[in-house]
Structure formats: structure tokens, C-alpha cells
Amino acid sequence: MANTICERLAETRAEAGYSRRALGVAAGLSARIVALVESGKTAPKRSTLERLAEVLGCHAEWLATGNGPRRRRRVAS
């Protein structure tokens, strides 16, 4: 189980099949920002976490802290 935001982001990104670049593009961020967050070299802004979480289908709170539910529930349309 991932214990840090770096580990949770890297693990969730890999499970979703995204490269850092592809995740950045999908979230409207640069691959550099994704890499900096994953490496622990920068703390992400809340808005960055929310964008990443939206693309990855997880909750921003879980991504940030590891608390709460991981996955968002999908609503049938």
C-alpha cells in the first residue's frame, strides 16, 4: 500500500496505464509537474491534485492523504 502522495500518484498512474507525459496532457499539466510531484520535489497545489485525481478516477483527498475512499463511484448514464 502506498504511504506517500508520491507513491499513491505513481501507483495510480501506472495502474491507469498513463505515462507521466500522457497524464500531464490529460490533466492539462506538464509532464515535469507530474514528475516533480511523483519524486517528492514539489508539493502539489490543491487544484493540481484535483486535476490529477479527476483523470485518474480517484478522490483528491485520498491522493493527498491516503484517507477516505480511493476510487470515485461511476454513475450510470
N, C-alpha and C. Protein backbone atom coordinates (compact mmCIF):
# COMPACT_ATOMS: atom_id res chain seq x y z
N MET A 1 0.84 -1.18 0.00
CA MET A 1 0.00 0.00 0.00
C MET A 1 0.89 1.24 0.00
N ALA A 2 0.55 2.20 -0.82
CA ALA A 2 1.32 3.43 -0.95
C ALA A 2 1.11 4.32 0.28
N ASN A 3 2.21 4.82 0.83
CA ASN A 3 2.14 5.61 2.05
C ASN A 3 2.31 7.10 1.85
N THR A 4 2.82 7.51 0.71
CA THR A 4 3.03 8.94 0.46
C THR A 4 2.29 9.36 -0.80
N ILE A 5 2.10 10.66 -0.93
CA ILE A 5 1.44 11.16 -2.14
C ILE A 5 2.23 10.74 -3.38
N CYS A 6 3.56 10.75 -3.26
CA CYS A 6 4.42 10.35 -4.39
C CYS A 6 4.10 8.92 -4.82
N GLU A 7 4.04 8.04 -3.83
CA GLU A 7 3.78 6.62 -4.12
C GLU A 7 2.36 6.42 -4.63
N ARG A 8 1.38 7.10 -4.02
CA ARG A 8 -0.01 6.94 -4.46
C ARG A 8 -0.18 7.43 -5.90
N LEU A 9 0.43 8.56 -6.23
CA LEU A 9 0.32 9.08 -7.59
C LEU A 9 0.98 8.15 -8.59
N ALA A 10 2.19 7.71 -8.31
CA ALA A 10 2.92 6.83 -9.23
C ALA A 10 2.18 5.51 -9.43
N GLU A 11 1.69 4.94 -8.32
CA GLU A 11 0.99 3.66 -8.39
C GLU A 11 -0.31 3.79 -9.18
N THR A 12 -1.08 4.82 -8.89
CA THR A 12 -2.37 5.01 -9.55
C THR A 12 -2.17 5.33 -11.03
N ARG A 13 -1.17 6.14 -11.34
CA ARG A 13 -0.87 6.47 -12.73
C ARG A 13 -0.50 5.21 -13.51
N ALA A 14 0.36 4.38 -12.92
CA ALA A 14 0.79 3.15 -13.59
C ALA A 14 -0.39 2.19 -13.79
N GLU A 15 -1.23 2.05 -12.76
CA GLU A 15 -2.41 1.18 -12.87
C GLU A 15 -3.35 1.64 -13.98
N ALA A 16 -3.44 2.95 -14.16
CA ALA A 16 -4.32 3.51 -15.19
C ALA A 16 -3.70 3.46 -16.57
N GLY A 17 -2.41 3.11 -16.64
CA GLY A 17 -1.75 2.97 -17.93
C GLY A 17 -1.24 4.27 -18.53
N TYR A 18 -1.07 5.28 -17.72
CA TYR A 18 -0.57 6.57 -18.21
C TYR A 18 0.94 6.69 -18.03
N SER A 19 1.58 7.30 -19.01
CA SER A 19 2.95 7.78 -18.81
C SER A 19 2.82 9.12 -18.09
N ARG A 20 3.92 9.63 -17.60
CA ARG A 20 3.86 10.95 -16.96
C ARG A 20 3.39 12.00 -17.95
N ARG A 21 3.90 11.91 -19.16
CA ARG A 21 3.52 12.87 -20.20
C ARG A 21 2.03 12.78 -20.52
N ALA A 22 1.53 11.56 -20.71
CA ALA A 22 0.12 11.37 -21.06
C ALA A 22 -0.80 11.85 -19.93
N LEU A 23 -0.41 11.58 -18.70
CA LEU A 23 -1.22 12.06 -17.57
C LEU A 23 -1.21 13.58 -17.52
N GLY A 24 -0.05 14.16 -17.73
CA GLY A 24 0.03 15.62 -17.75
C GLY A 24 -0.86 16.23 -18.81
N VAL A 25 -0.81 15.67 -20.00
CA VAL A 25 -1.64 16.17 -21.11
C VAL A 25 -3.12 16.04 -20.75
N ALA A 26 -3.51 14.87 -20.26
CA ALA A 26 -4.92 14.63 -19.93
C ALA A 26 -5.42 15.56 -18.82
N ALA A 27 -4.51 15.93 -17.90
CA ALA A 27 -4.89 16.79 -16.77
C ALA A 27 -4.62 18.27 -17.06
N GLY A 28 -4.08 18.57 -18.23
CA GLY A 28 -3.76 19.95 -18.56
C GLY A 28 -2.55 20.47 -17.81
N LEU A 29 -1.62 19.56 -17.52
CA LEU A 29 -0.39 19.89 -16.79
C LEU A 29 0.80 19.45 -17.62
N SER A 30 1.98 19.87 -17.20
CA SER A 30 3.18 19.41 -17.89
C SER A 30 3.66 18.09 -17.29
N ALA A 31 4.38 17.33 -18.10
CA ALA A 31 4.99 16.08 -17.60
C ALA A 31 5.96 16.41 -16.47
N ARG A 32 6.58 17.57 -16.53
CA ARG A 32 7.53 17.99 -15.50
C ARG A 32 6.84 18.11 -14.14
N ILE A 33 5.65 18.70 -14.11
CA ILE A 33 4.91 18.83 -12.85
C ILE A 33 4.58 17.45 -12.30
N VAL A 34 4.10 16.56 -13.16
CA VAL A 34 3.80 15.19 -12.71
C VAL A 34 5.05 14.54 -12.14
N ALA A 35 6.17 14.68 -12.83
CA ALA A 35 7.43 14.10 -12.36
C ALA A 35 7.88 14.71 -11.04
N LEU A 36 7.75 16.01 -10.89
CA LEU A 36 8.16 16.67 -9.64
C LEU A 36 7.32 16.22 -8.46
N VAL A 37 6.02 16.06 -8.68
CA VAL A 37 5.14 15.58 -7.60
C VAL A 37 5.47 14.13 -7.27
N GLU A 38 5.61 13.29 -8.29
CA GLU A 38 5.93 11.88 -8.06
C GLU A 38 7.26 11.69 -7.34
N SER A 39 8.21 12.55 -7.60
CA SER A 39 9.54 12.42 -6.98
C SER A 39 9.61 13.08 -5.61
N GLY A 40 8.56 13.80 -5.23
CA GLY A 40 8.55 14.47 -3.94
C GLY A 40 9.32 15.77 -3.93
N LYS A 41 9.68 16.27 -5.09
CA LYS A 41 10.46 17.51 -5.17
C LYS A 41 9.59 18.75 -5.07
N THR A 42 8.29 18.58 -5.22
CA THR A 42 7.38 19.70 -5.05
C THR A 42 6.07 19.19 -4.46
N ALA A 43 5.46 20.03 -3.64
CA ALA A 43 4.14 19.71 -3.10
C ALA A 43 3.12 20.29 -4.07
N PRO A 44 2.17 19.48 -4.50
CA PRO A 44 1.20 19.97 -5.49
C PRO A 44 0.19 20.93 -4.87
N LYS A 45 -0.26 21.87 -5.68
CA LYS A 45 -1.36 22.73 -5.29
C LYS A 45 -2.62 21.88 -5.24
N ARG A 46 -3.61 22.34 -4.51
CA ARG A 46 -4.88 21.61 -4.42
C ARG A 46 -5.49 21.45 -5.82
N SER A 47 -5.42 22.49 -6.62
CA SER A 47 -6.01 22.42 -7.97
C SER A 47 -5.30 21.38 -8.83
N THR A 48 -4.00 21.23 -8.64
CA THR A 48 -3.24 20.21 -9.38
C THR A 48 -3.69 18.83 -8.95
N LEU A 49 -3.82 18.62 -7.64
CA LEU A 49 -4.30 17.33 -7.14
C LEU A 49 -5.68 17.00 -7.69
N GLU A 50 -6.56 17.98 -7.71
CA GLU A 50 -7.92 17.75 -8.20
C GLU A 50 -7.92 17.37 -9.68
N ARG A 51 -7.07 18.00 -10.46
CA ARG A 51 -6.99 17.67 -11.89
C ARG A 51 -6.45 16.27 -12.10
N LEU A 52 -5.40 15.92 -11.36
CA LEU A 52 -4.83 14.57 -11.47
C LEU A 52 -5.84 13.52 -11.02
N ALA A 53 -6.50 13.78 -9.90
CA ALA A 53 -7.48 12.83 -9.37
C ALA A 53 -8.64 12.62 -10.34
N GLU A 54 -9.09 13.69 -10.96
CA GLU A 54 -10.19 13.59 -11.92
C GLU A 54 -9.83 12.65 -13.07
N VAL A 55 -8.64 12.83 -13.62
CA VAL A 55 -8.20 12.00 -14.74
C VAL A 55 -8.00 10.55 -14.29
N LEU A 56 -7.46 10.36 -13.09
CA LEU A 56 -7.15 9.01 -12.60
C LEU A 56 -8.36 8.31 -11.99
N GLY A 57 -9.47 9.02 -11.82
CA GLY A 57 -10.68 8.41 -11.27
C GLY A 57 -10.59 8.13 -9.78
N CYS A 58 -9.81 8.93 -9.08
CA CYS A 58 -9.70 8.76 -7.63
C CYS A 58 -10.07 10.07 -6.95
N HIS A 59 -10.20 10.02 -5.64
CA HIS A 59 -10.51 11.22 -4.87
C HIS A 59 -9.23 12.00 -4.57
N ALA A 60 -9.29 13.31 -4.70
CA ALA A 60 -8.13 14.16 -4.41
C ALA A 60 -7.70 14.01 -2.96
N GLU A 61 -8.65 13.87 -2.05
CA GLU A 61 -8.32 13.70 -0.63
C GLU A 61 -7.52 12.42 -0.41
N TRP A 62 -7.93 11.34 -1.06
CA TRP A 62 -7.18 10.08 -0.94
C TRP A 62 -5.78 10.25 -1.53
N LEU A 63 -5.70 10.88 -2.67
CA LEU A 63 -4.40 11.09 -3.32
C LEU A 63 -3.47 11.89 -2.40
N ALA A 64 -4.02 12.91 -1.75
CA ALA A 64 -3.21 13.78 -0.88
C ALA A 64 -2.82 13.11 0.43
N THR A 65 -3.76 12.37 1.03
CA THR A 65 -3.54 11.89 2.40
C THR A 65 -3.56 10.38 2.57
N GLY A 66 -4.18 9.69 1.64
CA GLY A 66 -4.37 8.25 1.80
C GLY A 66 -5.62 7.91 2.59
N ASN A 67 -6.35 8.94 3.03
CA ASN A 67 -7.57 8.73 3.81
C ASN A 67 -8.80 8.79 2.91
N GLY A 68 -9.83 8.08 3.33
CA GLY A 68 -11.08 8.09 2.60
C GLY A 68 -11.05 7.09 1.46
N PRO A 69 -12.14 7.05 0.71
CA PRO A 69 -12.22 6.10 -0.41
C PRO A 69 -11.25 6.48 -1.52
N ARG A 70 -10.70 5.47 -2.14
CA ARG A 70 -9.74 5.70 -3.22
C ARG A 70 -10.45 6.07 -4.52
N ARG A 71 -11.32 5.20 -4.95
CA ARG A 71 -11.96 5.36 -6.26
C ARG A 71 -13.25 6.14 -6.17
N ARG A 72 -13.49 6.92 -7.20
CA ARG A 72 -14.77 7.60 -7.34
C ARG A 72 -15.78 6.59 -7.85
N ARG A 73 -16.99 6.73 -7.43
CA ARG A 73 -18.05 5.87 -7.95
C ARG A 73 -18.46 6.36 -9.31
N ARG A 74 -18.64 5.44 -10.20
CA ARG A 74 -19.11 5.81 -11.54
C ARG A 74 -20.64 5.80 -11.53
N VAL A 75 -21.19 6.84 -12.11
CA VAL A 75 -22.63 6.97 -12.19
C VAL A 75 -23.08 6.51 -13.57
N ALA A 76 -24.03 5.60 -13.59
CA ALA A 76 -24.55 5.10 -14.87
C ALA A 76 -25.32 6.22 -15.55
N SER A 77 -25.16 6.31 -16.86
CA SER A 77 -25.88 7.37 -17.59
C SER A 77 -27.01 6.83 -18.39
